[in-house]
Amino acid sequence: MRGWTEDGGSVRVADMEYGTESGLESLFRYFSILVVAGGGVALAAFLLLLLGVWSNRQITKERFLQTVAFLAVLMVIFLLMIYLYFL
């Protein structure tokens, strides 16, 4: 994400805000990202379950847990990418 300086130049917003965030604010920001990503995984798993019920196929508990684990791994990769971007 980019912001603009007074002389018309552009700068990354993360660079502009460097050092102005307290430890608690940083923790809250990362926690909120984690909550949103976790909610996305839960929603995707629920939609997968509904899709299995709707298509009249039997979804076993093992297959459902494998899918949730796969989505959780994707969430961790996504969070790592966000973390490395703001580093």
C-alpha atoms as a PDB file:
ATOM      1  CA  MET A   1       0.000   0.000   0.000  1.00  0.00           C
ATOM      2  CA  ARG A   2       1.359   3.398  -0.910  1.00  0.00           C
ATOM      3  CA  GLY A   3       0.840   6.841   0.526  1.00  0.00           C
ATOM      4  CA  TRP A   4       1.778  10.278  -0.782  1.00  0.00           C
ATOM      5  CA  THR A   5       4.230  12.822   0.604  1.00  0.00           C
ATOM      6  CA  GLU A   6       3.680  16.578   0.568  1.00  0.00           C
ATOM      7  CA  ASP A   7       6.038  17.085  -2.382  1.00  0.00           C
ATOM      8  CA  GLY A   8       4.123  14.624  -4.544  1.00  0.00           C
ATOM      9  CA  GLY A   9       6.371  11.601  -4.075  1.00  0.00           C
ATOM     10  CA  SER A  10       5.050   8.239  -3.013  1.00  0.00           C
ATOM     11  CA  VAL A  11       6.174   6.141  -0.086  1.00  0.00           C
ATOM     12  CA  ARG A  12       5.060   2.845   1.383  1.00  0.00           C
ATOM     13  CA  VAL A  13       2.569   3.398   4.192  1.00  0.00           C
ATOM     14  CA  ALA A  14       4.451   0.869   6.318  1.00  0.00           C
ATOM     15  CA  ASP A  15       7.546   3.097   6.003  1.00  0.00           C
ATOM     16  CA  MET A  16       5.598   6.225   6.955  1.00  0.00           C
ATOM     17  CA  GLU A  17       4.199   4.601  10.088  1.00  0.00           C
ATOM     18  CA  TYR A  18       7.442   2.994  11.204  1.00  0.00           C
ATOM     19  CA  GLY A  19       8.023   3.444  14.902  1.00  0.00           C
ATOM     20  CA  THR A  20       4.663   5.066  15.652  1.00  0.00           C
ATOM     21  CA  GLU A  21       2.880   1.851  16.654  1.00  0.00           C
ATOM     22  CA  SER A  22       3.045   0.568  20.195  1.00  0.00           C
ATOM     23  CA  GLY A  23       3.581  -3.095  20.974  1.00  0.00           C
ATOM     24  CA  LEU A  24      -0.048  -3.542  21.974  1.00  0.00           C
ATOM     25  CA  GLU A  25      -1.302  -1.979  18.744  1.00  0.00           C
ATOM     26  CA  SER A  26       0.978  -4.243  16.728  1.00  0.00           C
ATOM     27  CA  LEU A  27      -0.248  -7.291  18.631  1.00  0.00           C
ATOM     28  CA  PHE A  28      -3.862  -6.254  18.052  1.00  0.00           C
ATOM     29  CA  ARG A  29      -3.208  -5.770  14.320  1.00  0.00           C
ATOM     30  CA  TYR A  30      -1.690  -9.236  13.910  1.00  0.00           C
ATOM     31  CA  PHE A  31      -4.396 -10.786  16.100  1.00  0.00           C
ATOM     32  CA  SER A  32      -7.129  -9.206  13.977  1.00  0.00           C
ATOM     33  CA  ILE A  33      -5.494 -10.550  10.795  1.00  0.00           C
ATOM     34  CA  LEU A  34      -5.377 -13.996  12.411  1.00  0.00           C
ATOM     35  CA  VAL A  35      -9.058 -13.798  13.413  1.00  0.00           C
ATOM     36  CA  VAL A  36     -10.117 -12.798   9.890  1.00  0.00           C
ATOM     37  CA  ALA A  37      -8.024 -15.557   8.312  1.00  0.00           C
ATOM     38  CA  GLY A  38      -9.320 -18.126  10.824  1.00  0.00           C
ATOM     39  CA  GLY A  39     -12.863 -17.042  10.092  1.00  0.00           C
ATOM     40  CA  GLY A  40     -12.150 -17.538   6.398  1.00  0.00           C
ATOM     41  CA  VAL A  41     -10.940 -21.087   7.034  1.00  0.00           C
ATOM     42  CA  ALA A  42     -14.018 -21.841   9.153  1.00  0.00           C
ATOM     43  CA  LEU A  43     -16.319 -20.408   6.486  1.00  0.00           C
ATOM     44  CA  ALA A  44     -14.614 -22.405   3.724  1.00  0.00           C
ATOM     45  CA  ALA A  45     -14.899 -25.623   5.769  1.00  0.00           C
ATOM     46  CA  PHE A  46     -18.588 -24.938   6.469  1.00  0.00           C
ATOM     47  CA  LEU A  47     -19.272 -24.263   2.786  1.00  0.00           C
ATOM     48  CA  LEU A  48     -17.489 -27.488   1.882  1.00  0.00           C
ATOM     49  CA  LEU A  49     -19.717 -29.343   4.328  1.00  0.00           C
ATOM     50  CA  LEU A  50     -22.842 -27.734   2.834  1.00  0.00           C
ATOM     51  CA  LEU A  51     -21.656 -28.600  -0.663  1.00  0.00           C
ATOM     52  CA  GLY A  52     -21.234 -32.241   0.349  1.00  0.00           C
ATOM     53  CA  VAL A  53     -24.709 -32.356   1.878  1.00  0.00           C
ATOM     54  CA  TRP A  54     -26.214 -30.580  -1.135  1.00  0.00           C
ATOM     55  CA  SER A  55     -24.567 -32.940  -3.648  1.00  0.00           C
ATOM     56  CA  ASN A  56     -25.782 -35.902  -1.573  1.00  0.00           C
ATOM     57  CA  ARG A  57     -22.286 -37.291  -1.137  1.00  0.00           C
ATOM     58  CA  GLN A  58     -21.066 -38.600   2.153  1.00  0.00           C
ATOM     59  CA  ILE A  59     -18.239 -36.534   3.619  1.00  0.00           C
ATOM     60  CA  THR A  60     -16.346 -38.578   6.150  1.00  0.00           C
ATOM     61  CA  LYS A  61     -14.937 -36.987   9.280  1.00  0.00           C
ATOM     62  CA  GLU A  62     -11.414 -37.844   8.138  1.00  0.00           C
ATOM     63  CA  ARG A  63     -11.860 -36.148   4.750  1.00  0.00           C
ATOM     64  CA  PHE A  64     -13.413 -33.086   6.389  1.00  0.00           C
ATOM     65  CA  LEU A  65     -10.507 -32.766   8.845  1.00  0.00           C
ATOM     66  CA  GLN A  66      -7.995 -33.165   5.999  1.00  0.00           C
ATOM     67  CA  THR A  67      -9.677 -30.319   4.155  1.00  0.00           C
ATOM     68  CA  VAL A  68      -9.687 -28.099   7.243  1.00  0.00           C
ATOM     69  CA  ALA A  69      -5.993 -28.872   7.799  1.00  0.00           C
ATOM     70  CA  PHE A  70      -5.215 -27.977   4.183  1.00  0.00           C
ATOM     71  CA  LEU A  71      -7.078 -24.679   4.518  1.00  0.00           C
ATOM     72  CA  ALA A  72      -5.225 -23.966   7.783  1.00  0.00           C
ATOM     73  CA  VAL A  73      -1.880 -24.487   6.026  1.00  0.00           C
ATOM     74  CA  LEU A  74      -2.975 -22.060   3.312  1.00  0.00           C
ATOM     75  CA  MET A  75      -3.929 -19.564   6.027  1.00  0.00           C
ATOM     76  CA  VAL A  76      -0.482 -19.849   7.639  1.00  0.00           C
ATOM     77  CA  ILE A  77       1.215 -19.285   4.266  1.00  0.00           C
ATOM     78  CA  PHE A  78      -1.021 -16.261   3.660  1.00  0.00           C
ATOM     79  CA  LEU A  79      -0.224 -14.810   7.092  1.00  0.00           C
ATOM     80  CA  LEU A  80       3.494 -15.379   6.520  1.00  0.00           C
ATOM     81  CA  MET A  81       3.274 -13.486   3.238  1.00  0.00           C
ATOM     82  CA  ILE A  82       1.524 -10.574   4.977  1.00  0.00           C
ATOM     83  CA  TYR A  83       4.122 -10.579   7.755  1.00  0.00           C
ATOM     84  CA  LEU A  84       7.037 -10.584   5.311  1.00  0.00           C
ATOM     85  CA  TYR A  85       5.453  -7.763   3.294  1.00  0.00           C
ATOM     86  CA  PHE A  86       5.263  -5.474   6.340  1.00  0.00           C
ATOM     87  CA  LEU A  87       8.682  -6.510   7.674  1.00  0.00           C
END
